[in-house]
C-alpha atoms as a PDB file:
ATOM      1  CA  MET A   1     -34.700 -62.385-123.400  1.00  0.00           C
ATOM      2  CA  SER A   2     -31.510 -61.887-125.388  1.00  0.00           C
ATOM      3  CA  GLU A   3     -28.125 -61.466-123.709  1.00  0.00           C
ATOM      4  CA  ALA A   4     -27.855 -57.943-125.154  1.00  0.00           C
ATOM      5  CA  THR A   5     -31.192 -56.964-123.651  1.00  0.00           C
ATOM      6  CA  GLU A   6     -30.118 -58.441-120.297  1.00  0.00           C
ATOM      7  CA  HIS A   7     -26.948 -56.332-120.228  1.00  0.00           C
ATOM      8  CA  ARG A   8     -28.874 -53.160-121.055  1.00  0.00           C
ATOM      9  CA  LYS A   9     -30.841 -53.503-117.837  1.00  0.00           C
ATOM     10  CA  THR A  10     -29.482 -51.588-114.869  1.00  0.00           C
ATOM     11  CA  TRP A  11     -28.517 -53.382-111.695  1.00  0.00           C
ATOM     12  CA  ARG A  12     -31.528 -51.750-110.004  1.00  0.00           C
ATOM     13  CA  ASP A  13     -33.844 -53.263-112.621  1.00  0.00           C
ATOM     14  CA  TRP A  14     -32.225 -56.676-112.192  1.00  0.00           C
ATOM     15  CA  VAL A  15     -32.416 -56.596-108.393  1.00  0.00           C
ATOM     16  CA  SER A  16     -36.014 -55.323-108.502  1.00  0.00           C
ATOM     17  CA  GLU A  17     -37.035 -58.271-110.685  1.00  0.00           C
ATOM     18  CA  ALA A  18     -35.033 -60.734-108.606  1.00  0.00           C
ATOM     19  CA  LEU A  19     -36.762 -59.495-105.469  1.00  0.00           C
ATOM     20  CA  SER A  20     -40.261 -59.518-106.973  1.00  0.00           C
ATOM     21  CA  ARG A  21     -40.804 -62.385-104.556  1.00  0.00           C
ATOM     22  CA  GLU A  22     -39.561 -61.575-101.080  1.00  0.00           C
ATOM     23  CA  PRO A  23     -36.518 -63.680-100.059  1.00  0.00           C
ATOM     24  CA  PRO A  24     -37.332 -65.744 -96.969  1.00  0.00           C
ATOM     25  CA  ASP A  25     -34.096 -64.751 -95.227  1.00  0.00           C
ATOM     26  CA  SER A  26     -30.929 -62.679 -95.599  1.00  0.00           C
ATOM     27  CA  ASN A  27     -28.930 -65.676 -96.853  1.00  0.00           C
ATOM     28  CA  GLU A  28     -31.115 -66.030 -99.936  1.00  0.00           C
ATOM     29  CA  LEU A  29     -31.000 -62.273-100.475  1.00  0.00           C
ATOM     30  CA  LEU A  30     -27.198 -62.409-100.455  1.00  0.00           C
ATOM     31  CA  THR A  31     -27.266 -65.366-102.843  1.00  0.00           C
ATOM     32  CA  ILE A  32     -29.370 -63.338-105.293  1.00  0.00           C
ATOM     33  CA  LEU A  33     -27.049 -60.351-105.007  1.00  0.00           C
ATOM     34  CA  LYS A  34     -23.959 -62.548-105.391  1.00  0.00           C
ATOM     35  CA  ALA A  35     -25.423 -63.978-108.608  1.00  0.00           C
ATOM     36  CA  ALA A  36     -25.976 -60.437-109.849  1.00  0.00           C
ATOM     37  CA  SER A  37     -22.353 -59.603-109.075  1.00  0.00           C
ATOM     38  CA  ASP A  38     -21.111 -62.725-110.868  1.00  0.00           C
ATOM     39  CA  ARG A  39     -22.999 -61.586-113.958  1.00  0.00           C
ATOM     40  CA  GLU A  40     -21.484 -58.086-113.569  1.00  0.00           C
ATOM     41  CA  ILE A  41     -24.925 -56.546-113.036  1.00  0.00           C
ATOM     42  CA  VAL A  42     -24.053 -55.362-109.528  1.00  0.00           C
ATOM     43  CA  ASN A  43     -20.686 -53.714-108.921  1.00  0.00           C
ATOM     44  CA  ALA A  44     -18.469 -55.729-106.559  1.00  0.00           C
ATOM     45  CA  ASP A  45     -17.856 -52.697-104.317  1.00  0.00           C
ATOM     46  CA  ALA A  46     -21.594 -52.076-104.049  1.00  0.00           C
ATOM     47  CA  LEU A  47     -22.139 -55.734-103.188  1.00  0.00           C
ATOM     48  CA  ASN A  48     -19.532 -55.543-100.417  1.00  0.00           C
ATOM     49  CA  ILE A  49     -21.265 -52.534 -98.895  1.00  0.00           C
ATOM     50  CA  ILE A  50     -24.620 -54.349 -98.988  1.00  0.00           C
ATOM     51  CA  TYR A  51     -22.984 -57.363 -97.346  1.00  0.00           C
ATOM     52  CA  GLY A  52     -21.561 -55.108 -94.652  1.00  0.00           C
ATOM     53  CA  ALA A  53     -24.854 -53.308 -94.023  1.00  0.00           C
ATOM     54  CA  ILE A  54     -26.697 -56.621 -93.594  1.00  0.00           C
ATOM     55  CA  ALA A  55     -23.977 -57.975 -91.303  1.00  0.00           C
ATOM     56  CA  VAL A  56     -24.071 -54.844 -89.133  1.00  0.00           C
ATOM     57  CA  ALA A  57     -27.776 -55.409 -88.441  1.00  0.00           C
ATOM     58  CA  GLU A  58     -26.821 -58.666 -86.685  1.00  0.00           C
ATOM     59  CA  MET A  59     -23.915 -57.228 -84.663  1.00  0.00           C
ATOM     60  CA  ARG A  60     -23.792 -55.932 -81.103  1.00  0.00           C
ATOM     61  CA  ALA A  61     -21.502 -53.292 -79.626  1.00  0.00           C
ATOM     62  CA  ARG A  62     -19.422 -56.036 -77.964  1.00  0.00           C
ATOM     63  CA  ASP A  63     -18.590 -57.474 -81.396  1.00  0.00           C
ATOM     64  CA  ILE A  64     -16.753 -54.405 -82.702  1.00  0.00           C
ATOM     65  CA  MET A  65     -15.681 -52.473 -79.602  1.00  0.00           C
ATOM     66  CA  ILE A  66     -12.116 -51.563 -78.754  1.00  0.00           C
ATOM     67  CA  PRO A  67     -11.433 -53.721 -75.657  1.00  0.00           C
ATOM     68  CA  ARG A  68     -10.871 -51.972 -72.345  1.00  0.00           C
ATOM     69  CA  ALA A  69      -7.247 -53.156 -72.204  1.00  0.00           C
ATOM     70  CA  GLN A  70      -6.504 -51.304 -75.452  1.00  0.00           C
ATOM     71  CA  LEU A  71      -8.142 -47.991 -74.548  1.00  0.00           C
ATOM     72  CA  VAL A  72      -5.910 -44.949 -74.179  1.00  0.00           C
ATOM     73  CA  THR A  73      -7.415 -42.927 -71.352  1.00  0.00           C
ATOM     74  CA  VAL A  74      -6.612 -39.618 -69.669  1.00  0.00           C
ATOM     75  CA  LYS A  75      -6.827 -39.096 -65.898  1.00  0.00           C
ATOM     76  CA  ALA A  76      -9.194 -36.338 -64.843  1.00  0.00           C
ATOM     77  CA  ASP A  77      -6.618 -34.826 -62.494  1.00  0.00           C
ATOM     78  CA  ALA A  78      -3.677 -35.020 -64.919  1.00  0.00           C
ATOM     79  CA  GLY A  79      -1.904 -32.025 -66.389  1.00  0.00           C
ATOM     80  CA  VAL A  80      -1.229 -31.553 -70.089  1.00  0.00           C
ATOM     81  CA  ALA A  81       2.459 -32.394 -69.726  1.00  0.00           C
ATOM     82  CA  ASP A  82       1.513 -35.716 -68.107  1.00  0.00           C
ATOM     83  CA  PHE A  83      -0.586 -37.102 -70.965  1.00  0.00           C
ATOM     84  CA  LEU A  84       0.230 -35.054 -74.076  1.00  0.00           C
ATOM     85  CA  PRO A  85       3.125 -37.293 -75.262  1.00  0.00           C
ATOM     86  CA  ARG A  86       0.940 -40.403 -74.948  1.00  0.00           C
ATOM     87  CA  VAL A  87      -1.912 -38.707 -76.772  1.00  0.00           C
ATOM     88  CA  ILE A  88       0.397 -37.758 -79.641  1.00  0.00           C
ATOM     89  CA  ASP A  89       1.953 -41.226 -79.847  1.00  0.00           C
ATOM     90  CA  SER A  90      -1.420 -42.975 -79.942  1.00  0.00           C
ATOM     91  CA  GLY A  91      -2.626 -41.136 -83.031  1.00  0.00           C
ATOM     92  CA  HIS A  92      -6.222 -41.261 -81.760  1.00  0.00           C
ATOM     93  CA  SER A  93      -8.632 -38.348 -81.959  1.00  0.00           C
ATOM     94  CA  ARG A  94     -10.736 -38.987 -78.824  1.00  0.00           C
ATOM     95  CA  PHE A  95      -9.847 -40.147 -75.314  1.00  0.00           C
ATOM     96  CA  PRO A  96     -12.048 -41.220 -72.389  1.00  0.00           C
ATOM     97  CA  VAL A  97     -11.351 -39.132 -69.300  1.00  0.00           C
ATOM     98  CA  VAL A  98     -11.469 -41.218 -66.119  1.00  0.00           C
ATOM     99  CA  GLY A  99     -11.230 -40.673 -62.378  1.00  0.00           C
ATOM    100  CA  ASP A 100      -9.248 -42.810 -59.948  1.00  0.00           C
ATOM    101  CA  ASP A 101     -11.540 -45.724 -60.804  1.00  0.00           C
ATOM    102  CA  PRO A 102     -11.223 -46.747 -64.492  1.00  0.00           C
ATOM    103  CA  ASP A 103     -14.993 -47.353 -64.499  1.00  0.00           C
ATOM    104  CA  ASP A 104     -15.555 -43.714 -63.560  1.00  0.00           C
ATOM    105  CA  VAL A 105     -15.664 -42.166 -67.041  1.00  0.00           C
ATOM    106  CA  ARG A 106     -16.108 -38.410 -66.714  1.00  0.00           C
ATOM    107  CA  GLY A 107     -16.264 -37.517 -70.415  1.00  0.00           C
ATOM    108  CA  ILE A 108     -14.400 -37.503 -73.728  1.00  0.00           C
ATOM    109  CA  LEU A 109     -11.376 -35.345 -74.558  1.00  0.00           C
ATOM    110  CA  HIS A 110     -10.790 -34.410 -78.218  1.00  0.00           C
ATOM    111  CA  ALA A 111      -7.209 -34.289 -79.417  1.00  0.00           C
ATOM    112  CA  LYS A 112      -7.923 -31.180 -81.490  1.00  0.00           C
ATOM    113  CA  ASP A 113      -8.630 -29.244 -78.280  1.00  0.00           C
ATOM    114  CA  LEU A 114      -5.046 -29.890 -77.199  1.00  0.00           C
ATOM    115  CA  LEU A 115      -3.430 -28.421 -80.328  1.00  0.00           C
ATOM    116  CA  PRO A 116      -2.927 -24.943 -78.825  1.00  0.00           C
ATOM    117  CA  PHE A 117      -0.893 -26.491 -75.998  1.00  0.00           C
ATOM    118  CA  VAL A 118       1.465 -28.572 -78.150  1.00  0.00           C
ATOM    119  CA  THR A 119       3.875 -25.679 -78.723  1.00  0.00           C
ATOM    120  CA  GLN A 120       3.437 -24.046 -75.325  1.00  0.00           C
ATOM    121  CA  SER A 121       5.661 -24.673 -72.351  1.00  0.00           C
ATOM    122  CA  ASP A 122       3.341 -22.999 -69.853  1.00  0.00           C
ATOM    123  CA  HIS A 123       0.238 -25.148 -69.346  1.00  0.00           C
ATOM    124  CA  SER A 124      -0.958 -23.467 -66.172  1.00  0.00           C
ATOM    125  CA  ALA A 125      -4.068 -22.147 -67.892  1.00  0.00           C
ATOM    126  CA  PHE A 126      -5.228 -25.644 -68.852  1.00  0.00           C
ATOM    127  CA  ALA A 127      -8.052 -27.248 -66.869  1.00  0.00           C
ATOM    128  CA  ILE A 128      -9.302 -30.506 -68.292  1.00  0.00           C
ATOM    129  CA  LYS A 129     -12.830 -29.896 -67.010  1.00  0.00           C
ATOM    130  CA  ASP A 130     -13.103 -27.010 -69.462  1.00  0.00           C
ATOM    131  CA  TYR A 131     -12.488 -29.290 -72.447  1.00  0.00           C
ATOM    132  CA  ILE A 132     -14.137 -32.640 -71.818  1.00  0.00           C
ATOM    133  CA  ARG A 133     -17.303 -33.414 -73.783  1.00  0.00           C
ATOM    134  CA  PRO A 134     -20.303 -35.427 -72.503  1.00  0.00           C
ATOM    135  CA  VAL A 135     -19.874 -39.185 -72.696  1.00  0.00           C
ATOM    136  CA  THR A 136     -22.368 -41.620 -74.210  1.00  0.00           C
ATOM    137  CA  ILE A 137     -22.716 -44.948 -72.398  1.00  0.00           C
ATOM    138  CA  VAL A 138     -24.137 -47.998 -74.195  1.00  0.00           C
ATOM    139  CA  PRO A 139     -24.575 -51.635 -73.127  1.00  0.00           C
ATOM    140  CA  GLU A 140     -22.579 -54.441 -74.736  1.00  0.00           C
ATOM    141  CA  SER A 141     -25.833 -55.752 -76.227  1.00  0.00           C
ATOM    142  CA  LYS A 142     -26.558 -52.541 -78.157  1.00  0.00           C
ATOM    143  CA  ARG A 143     -27.313 -53.295 -81.814  1.00  0.00           C
ATOM    144  CA  VAL A 144     -24.694 -51.700 -84.056  1.00  0.00           C
ATOM    145  CA  ASN A 145     -27.197 -50.441 -86.649  1.00  0.00           C
ATOM    146  CA  ILE A 146     -29.150 -48.629 -83.920  1.00  0.00           C
ATOM    147  CA  LEU A 147     -25.895 -47.263 -82.485  1.00  0.00           C
ATOM    148  CA  LEU A 148     -25.011 -45.840 -85.903  1.00  0.00           C
ATOM    149  CA  GLU A 149     -28.352 -44.031 -86.068  1.00  0.00           C
ATOM    150  CA  GLU A 150     -27.722 -42.570 -82.605  1.00  0.00           C
ATOM    151  CA  PHE A 151     -24.228 -41.458 -83.599  1.00  0.00           C
ATOM    152  CA  LYS A 152     -25.697 -39.589 -86.570  1.00  0.00           C
ATOM    153  CA  ALA A 153     -28.616 -38.086 -84.642  1.00  0.00           C
ATOM    154  CA  ARG A 154     -26.444 -36.848 -81.763  1.00  0.00           C
ATOM    155  CA  ARG A 155     -23.429 -35.982 -83.941  1.00  0.00           C
ATOM    156  CA  ASN A 156     -21.373 -38.072 -81.574  1.00  0.00           C
ATOM    157  CA  HIS A 157     -18.378 -40.192 -82.622  1.00  0.00           C
ATOM    158  CA  MET A 158     -17.545 -42.316 -79.578  1.00  0.00           C
ATOM    159  CA  ALA A 159     -19.457 -44.305 -76.980  1.00  0.00           C
ATOM    160  CA  ILE A 160     -18.246 -46.154 -73.898  1.00  0.00           C
ATOM    161  CA  VAL A 161     -19.447 -49.767 -73.741  1.00  0.00           C
ATOM    162  CA  VAL A 162     -20.341 -51.229 -70.340  1.00  0.00           C
ATOM    163  CA  ASP A 163     -21.142 -54.772 -69.244  1.00  0.00           C
ATOM    164  CA  GLU A 164     -24.171 -55.898 -67.267  1.00  0.00           C
ATOM    165  CA  TYR A 165     -22.509 -54.827 -64.010  1.00  0.00           C
ATOM    166  CA  GLY A 166     -21.787 -51.308 -65.222  1.00  0.00           C
ATOM    167  CA  HIS A 167     -18.055 -51.895 -65.658  1.00  0.00           C
ATOM    168  CA  VAL A 168     -16.320 -50.436 -68.696  1.00  0.00           C
ATOM    169  CA  ALA A 169     -15.863 -53.188 -71.288  1.00  0.00           C
ATOM    170  CA  GLY A 170     -14.459 -51.012 -74.060  1.00  0.00           C
ATOM    171  CA  ALA A 171     -15.354 -48.232 -76.476  1.00  0.00           C
ATOM    172  CA  VAL A 172     -16.818 -48.031 -79.954  1.00  0.00           C
ATOM    173  CA  THR A 173     -16.483 -45.231 -82.514  1.00  0.00           C
ATOM    174  CA  ILE A 174     -18.464 -44.320 -85.581  1.00  0.00           C
ATOM    175  CA  GLU A 175     -15.363 -45.251 -87.607  1.00  0.00           C
ATOM    176  CA  ASP A 176     -15.554 -48.780 -86.167  1.00  0.00           C
ATOM    177  CA  VAL A 177     -19.172 -49.065 -87.314  1.00  0.00           C
ATOM    178  CA  LEU A 178     -18.559 -47.680 -90.798  1.00  0.00           C
ATOM    179  CA  GLU A 179     -15.584 -49.969 -91.243  1.00  0.00           C
ATOM    180  CA  GLN A 180     -17.896 -52.945 -90.815  1.00  0.00           C
ATOM    181  CA  ILE A 181     -19.987 -51.657 -93.724  1.00  0.00           C
ATOM    182  CA  VAL A 182     -17.397 -50.449 -96.221  1.00  0.00           C
ATOM    183  CA  GLY A 183     -14.466 -52.659 -95.241  1.00  0.00           C
ATOM    184  CA  GLU A 184     -13.457 -55.748 -97.181  1.00  0.00           C
ATOM    185  CA  ILE A 185     -15.876 -58.636 -96.866  1.00  0.00           C
ATOM    186  CA  GLU A 186     -13.404 -61.216 -98.128  1.00  0.00           C
ATOM    187  CA  ASP A 187      -9.721 -61.230 -98.908  1.00  0.00           C
ATOM    188  CA  GLU A 188      -6.964 -63.769 -99.417  1.00  0.00           C
ATOM    189  CA  TYR A 189      -6.853 -64.374 -95.664  1.00  0.00           C
ATOM    190  CA  ASP A 190     -10.599 -64.730 -95.160  1.00  0.00           C
ATOM    191  CA  VAL A 191     -11.641 -66.890 -92.203  1.00  0.00           C
ATOM    192  CA  ASP A 192     -15.150 -68.329 -92.081  1.00  0.00           C
ATOM    193  CA  ASP A 193     -17.522 -66.635 -89.629  1.00  0.00           C
ATOM    194  CA  ASP A 194     -17.956 -69.882 -87.678  1.00  0.00           C
ATOM    195  CA  SER A 195     -14.212 -70.448 -87.429  1.00  0.00           C
ATOM    196  CA  VAL A 196     -11.400 -68.570 -85.718  1.00  0.00           C
ATOM    197  CA  ILE A 197      -8.502 -70.660 -87.057  1.00  0.00           C
ATOM    198  CA  LYS A 198      -7.957 -71.502 -90.729  1.00  0.00           C
ATOM    199  CA  ALA A 199      -5.332 -73.993 -91.896  1.00  0.00           C
ATOM    200  CA  LEU A 200      -3.504 -73.071 -95.114  1.00  0.00           C
ATOM    201  CA  ASP A 201      -2.133 -75.454 -97.730  1.00  0.00           C
ATOM    202  CA  ASP A 202       1.481 -74.748 -96.736  1.00  0.00           C
ATOM    203  CA  GLY A 203       0.938 -75.954 -93.168  1.00  0.00           C
ATOM    204  CA  THR A 204       0.615 -72.488 -91.647  1.00  0.00           C
ATOM    205  CA  PHE A 205      -2.524 -70.927 -90.168  1.00  0.00           C
ATOM    206  CA  ILE A 206      -4.598 -67.761 -90.162  1.00  0.00           C
ATOM    207  CA  VAL A 207      -5.870 -66.921 -86.671  1.00  0.00           C
ATOM    208  CA  LYS A 208      -8.368 -64.277 -85.661  1.00  0.00           C
ATOM    209  CA  ALA A 209      -6.948 -62.135 -82.854  1.00  0.00           C
ATOM    210  CA  THR A 210     -10.243 -62.566 -80.993  1.00  0.00           C
ATOM    211  CA  SER A 211      -9.696 -66.344 -80.782  1.00  0.00           C
ATOM    212  CA  SER A 212      -9.908 -67.408 -77.149  1.00  0.00           C
ATOM    213  CA  ILE A 213      -6.811 -68.823 -75.490  1.00  0.00           C
ATOM    214  CA  GLU A 214      -8.911 -71.846 -74.497  1.00  0.00           C
ATOM    215  CA  ASP A 215      -9.781 -72.596 -78.148  1.00  0.00           C
ATOM    216  CA  PHE A 216      -6.187 -71.946 -79.243  1.00  0.00           C
ATOM    217  CA  ASN A 217      -4.811 -74.317 -76.615  1.00  0.00           C
ATOM    218  CA  ALA A 218      -7.283 -77.030 -77.628  1.00  0.00           C
ATOM    219  CA  TYR A 219      -6.530 -76.662 -81.342  1.00  0.00           C
ATOM    220  CA  PHE A 220      -2.738 -76.653 -81.056  1.00  0.00           C
ATOM    221  CA  GLU A 221      -2.482 -78.813 -77.931  1.00  0.00           C
ATOM    222  CA  CYS A 222      -0.567 -76.173 -75.992  1.00  0.00           C
ATOM    223  CA  SER A 223      -1.013 -74.596 -72.570  1.00  0.00           C
ATOM    224  CA  PHE A 224      -0.943 -70.800 -72.636  1.00  0.00           C
ATOM    225  CA  ASP A 225      -2.318 -69.302 -69.423  1.00  0.00           C
ATOM    226  CA  ASP A 226      -5.907 -68.136 -69.970  1.00  0.00           C
ATOM    227  CA  ASP A 227      -5.987 -66.396 -66.583  1.00  0.00           C
ATOM    228  CA  GLU A 228      -3.614 -63.651 -67.746  1.00  0.00           C
ATOM    229  CA  TYR A 229      -5.274 -62.935 -71.121  1.00  0.00           C
ATOM    230  CA  ASP A 230      -8.476 -64.076 -72.786  1.00  0.00           C
ATOM    231  CA  THR A 231      -7.552 -63.930 -76.482  1.00  0.00           C
ATOM    232  CA  VAL A 232      -4.631 -64.652 -78.811  1.00  0.00           C
ATOM    233  CA  GLY A 233      -4.491 -60.928 -79.569  1.00  0.00           C
ATOM    234  CA  GLY A 234      -4.109 -60.272 -75.853  1.00  0.00           C
ATOM    235  CA  LEU A 235      -1.248 -62.770 -75.690  1.00  0.00           C
ATOM    236  CA  VAL A 236       0.588 -61.020 -78.539  1.00  0.00           C
ATOM    237  CA  LEU A 237      -0.024 -57.585 -77.008  1.00  0.00           C
ATOM    238  CA  ARG A 238       1.352 -58.726 -73.645  1.00  0.00           C
ATOM    239  CA  GLU A 239       4.494 -60.153 -75.203  1.00  0.00           C
ATOM    240  CA  LEU A 240       5.169 -57.026 -77.261  1.00  0.00           C
ATOM    241  CA  GLY A 241       4.076 -54.539 -74.614  1.00  0.00           C
ATOM    242  CA  ARG A 242       2.458 -52.342 -77.279  1.00  0.00           C
ATOM    243  CA  LEU A 243       0.219 -52.461 -80.326  1.00  0.00           C
ATOM    244  CA  PRO A 244       2.159 -53.950 -83.255  1.00  0.00           C
ATOM    245  CA  GLN A 245       2.168 -52.718 -86.828  1.00  0.00           C
ATOM    246  CA  ARG A 246       0.983 -54.730 -89.797  1.00  0.00           C
ATOM    247  CA  GLY A 247       3.689 -57.149 -90.933  1.00  0.00           C
ATOM    248  CA  GLU A 248       5.440 -57.217 -87.559  1.00  0.00           C
ATOM    249  CA  SER A 249       6.552 -60.660 -86.329  1.00  0.00           C
ATOM    250  CA  LEU A 250       7.396 -62.277 -83.005  1.00  0.00           C
ATOM    251  CA  ALA A 251       7.996 -65.747 -81.608  1.00  0.00           C
ATOM    252  CA  ILE A 252       6.136 -67.039 -78.559  1.00  0.00           C
ATOM    253  CA  GLY A 253       7.140 -70.517 -77.496  1.00  0.00           C
ATOM    254  CA  ARG A 254       6.985 -72.797 -80.507  1.00  0.00           C
ATOM    255  CA  PHE A 255       4.809 -70.382 -82.484  1.00  0.00           C
ATOM    256  CA  ASP A 256       5.891 -67.676 -84.939  1.00  0.00           C
ATOM    257  CA  PHE A 257       3.256 -64.948 -85.229  1.00  0.00           C
ATOM    258  CA  ARG A 258       3.032 -62.318 -87.973  1.00  0.00           C
ATOM    259  CA  VAL A 259       0.453 -59.521 -87.873  1.00  0.00           C
ATOM    260  CA  LEU A 260      -1.658 -59.543 -91.040  1.00  0.00           C
ATOM    261  CA  ASN A 261      -4.223 -56.931 -90.090  1.00  0.00           C
ATOM    262  CA  ALA A 262      -4.050 -54.300 -87.354  1.00  0.00           C
ATOM    263  CA  ASP A 263      -4.784 -50.631 -86.871  1.00  0.00           C
ATOM    264  CA  SER A 264      -3.993 -48.053 -84.219  1.00  0.00           C
ATOM    265  CA  ARG A 265      -6.524 -49.606 -81.850  1.00  0.00           C
ATOM    266  CA  ARG A 266      -6.388 -53.379 -82.143  1.00  0.00           C
ATOM    267  CA  ILE A 267      -4.939 -56.506 -83.739  1.00  0.00           C
ATOM    268  CA  ARG A 268      -7.387 -58.214 -86.069  1.00  0.00           C
ATOM    269  CA  LEU A 269      -5.698 -61.088 -87.888  1.00  0.00           C
ATOM    270  CA  LEU A 270      -2.520 -63.130 -87.378  1.00  0.00           C
ATOM    271  CA  HIS A 271      -0.490 -65.523 -89.507  1.00  0.00           C
ATOM    272  CA  LEU A 272       0.910 -68.434 -87.512  1.00  0.00           C
ATOM    273  CA  ARG A 273       3.680 -70.945 -88.122  1.00  0.00           C
ATOM    274  CA  CYS A 274       3.967 -73.791 -85.653  1.00  0.00           C
ATOM    275  CA  ASN A 275       7.507 -75.101 -85.034  1.00  0.00           C
ATOM    276  CA  ARG A 276       7.121 -78.641 -83.761  1.00  0.00           C
END
């Protein structure tokens, strides 16, 4: 077949021929698709989405949830004036409503339902029970692809994630799921899936915020307290006292941290310089 004929084929034709024999596993499928992308038969953006969709099938709710410590909740007995400033500052659209026990999730409050009260000084007519929506509870082990189907079927956008003992472990939104599919698969700061710390040529490091304090201590021969926080992201959050913005820096002990990737809910990736 001539090169001209090859280029006239659509990427669907090429993939169909490549898959005429069923790949034994997802790794070989991705290898075939990567080869198609290298030959400019499959668009790079399309390839990234396929990568993301395959990866999502292997993920559980615990892998993408917003950790409990980072949730912005509203107390069921609170008045509008008590929580409205925090709701506005957070920039979120949905908030778990809890009782006296943080594990007692009563429902979900939508920020849009609070808009009429933003400009009012008299909030006496507000009763939170009139505005909370039903809450969906899912286990940490819930497969993300199945969760996405349930989100679509129920037209729901948030679920509370619980551990095996029924305690709230975090929350997951449909945006979190979709981000896994359409987000970047690789970038200049990519860290291998089986690694949480990547050494760069200039002697600095890229560290996933989900890296455990135990692993961090072992790698850098330091002794941060893993009783107070479980992850490096938790350490940075505790020191700052708030969620940082992308590009923000801080020093903790002999380490200089800079936030490479973060959103309004969590820290994802950190750049690290070790001052010996």
